[in-house]
Amino acid sequence: MEDLGIIEGYWTSVAHSKLGYQLKAIITLRAFMGKLRPFLEHVRTLEEVVNCYRITGNENIIMEVVFRDQFHLEEFIDKLIQYGETRTHIILSEVISNAPIGKMRSPD
């Protein structure tokens, strides 16, 4: 499956909470005119960003991010607001994570 490109790689799953990151959030960004390209360059330097996607719809970007506490989150948002309008959603728990495609899920 590796030769066919179905398996693209292997990675380690990190317990962010064991590294001191107590909050996990989803943040969307609606970029200001002319600020999307600069943001796309800047986001690569932000250590809090676990995943970042460019998306369709009202927002341009959706990110999965981790923070030590709410003060860390506030500092992060302060960095982002020069690029656009943000919306923050705190993650309470994971319901499904890295589920394989085609796996049949049974209701609880």
Protein backbone atom coordinates (compact mmCIF):
# COMPACT_ATOMS: atom_id res chain seq x y z
CA MET A 1 0.00 0.00 0.00
CA GLU A 2 2.97 2.31 0.49
CA ASP A 3 4.02 1.75 -3.15
CA LEU A 4 0.51 2.65 -4.30
CA GLY A 5 0.54 5.85 -2.24
CA ILE A 6 -2.34 4.72 -0.01
CA ILE A 7 -0.16 4.81 3.11
CA GLU A 8 1.49 8.22 3.02
CA GLY A 9 3.58 7.98 6.16
CA TYR A 10 3.86 7.25 9.84
CA TRP A 11 3.86 9.64 12.78
CA THR A 12 3.79 9.85 16.53
CA SER A 13 0.73 11.00 18.43
CA VAL A 14 1.72 13.50 21.13
CA ALA A 15 -0.21 13.99 24.39
CA HIS A 16 -0.20 17.79 24.39
CA SER A 17 -1.55 17.90 27.95
CA LYS A 18 1.60 16.12 29.21
CA LEU A 19 3.62 18.97 27.67
CA GLY A 20 1.65 21.60 29.58
CA TYR A 21 -0.98 22.46 26.97
CA GLN A 22 -4.26 22.35 28.90
CA LEU A 23 -6.56 23.89 26.26
CA LYS A 24 -7.27 22.70 22.75
CA ALA A 25 -9.33 24.83 20.38
CA ILE A 26 -10.53 25.24 16.83
CA ILE A 27 -10.00 28.76 15.52
CA THR A 28 -11.33 30.07 12.23
CA LEU A 29 -10.00 33.16 10.51
CA ARG A 30 -11.73 35.39 7.97
CA ALA A 31 -8.78 37.24 6.47
CA PHE A 32 -8.85 40.98 5.82
CA MET A 33 -8.34 42.11 2.22
CA GLY A 34 -4.69 41.53 1.29
CA LYS A 35 -3.85 39.66 4.52
CA LEU A 36 -4.39 36.03 3.50
CA ARG A 37 -0.99 35.51 1.84
CA PRO A 38 0.94 37.13 4.74
CA PHE A 39 -1.03 34.96 7.18
CA LEU A 40 -0.25 31.77 5.22
CA GLU A 41 3.45 32.56 5.59
CA HIS A 42 3.16 33.53 9.27
CA VAL A 43 1.07 30.57 10.43
CA ARG A 44 3.96 28.18 9.72
CA THR A 45 5.93 29.87 12.53
CA LEU A 46 3.25 29.47 15.22
CA GLU A 47 4.13 26.60 17.55
CA GLU A 48 0.57 26.38 18.92
CA VAL A 49 -0.88 25.31 15.55
CA VAL A 50 -1.31 21.54 15.30
CA ASN A 51 -3.25 21.57 12.00
CA CYS A 52 -4.20 24.37 9.63
CA TYR A 53 -6.43 24.20 6.56
CA ARG A 54 -7.45 26.71 3.92
CA ILE A 55 -11.22 26.31 3.49
CA THR A 56 -14.21 27.53 1.49
CA GLY A 57 -17.09 29.47 2.96
CA ASN A 58 -17.20 32.65 5.03
CA GLU A 59 -13.86 31.93 6.70
CA ASN A 60 -10.58 31.32 4.88
CA ILE A 61 -8.71 29.30 7.50
CA ILE A 62 -9.49 26.71 10.16
CA MET A 63 -6.84 25.70 12.70
CA GLU A 64 -6.53 23.17 15.49
CA VAL A 65 -4.43 24.79 18.21
CA VAL A 66 -3.16 24.05 21.74
CA PHE A 67 -2.55 26.43 24.66
CA ARG A 68 -1.16 26.32 28.18
CA ASP A 69 -4.10 28.32 29.57
CA GLN A 70 -6.64 31.03 28.70
CA PHE A 71 -3.95 33.74 28.95
CA HIS A 72 -1.90 31.94 26.30
CA LEU A 73 -5.04 31.73 24.13
CA GLU A 74 -5.62 35.47 24.54
CA GLU A 75 -2.02 36.27 23.48
CA PHE A 76 -2.43 34.03 20.43
CA ILE A 77 -5.67 35.72 19.35
CA ASP A 78 -4.00 39.12 19.78
CA LYS A 79 -1.38 37.99 17.23
CA LEU A 80 -4.05 36.85 14.78
CA ILE A 81 -6.33 39.89 14.77
CA GLN A 82 -3.97 41.85 12.52
CA TYR A 83 -4.75 39.29 9.79
CA GLY A 84 -8.52 39.06 10.15
CA GLU A 85 -11.59 38.26 12.22
CA THR A 86 -11.34 35.14 14.39
CA ARG A 87 -13.79 32.75 16.00
CA THR A 88 -12.67 30.42 18.75
CA HIS A 89 -14.23 27.11 19.79
CA ILE A 90 -12.78 25.36 22.86
CA ILE A 91 -12.62 21.57 22.43
CA LEU A 92 -14.12 19.75 25.42
CA SER A 93 -13.36 16.19 24.29
CA GLU A 94 -12.63 14.10 21.20
CA VAL A 95 -15.54 12.03 19.97
CA ILE A 96 -13.81 10.56 16.90
CA SER A 97 -10.14 10.91 16.09
CA ASN A 98 -8.25 9.51 13.08
CA ALA A 99 -10.97 7.00 12.22
CA PRO A 100 -10.22 4.88 9.16
CA ILE A 101 -12.40 5.41 6.11
CA GLY A 102 -14.98 2.71 5.57
CA LYS A 103 -14.99 1.58 9.21
CA MET A 104 -18.50 0.74 10.35
CA ARG A 105 -19.36 2.58 13.56
CA SER A 106 -21.87 1.11 15.96
CA PRO A 107 -24.15 3.44 17.94
CA ASP A 108 -23.59 3.53 21.70
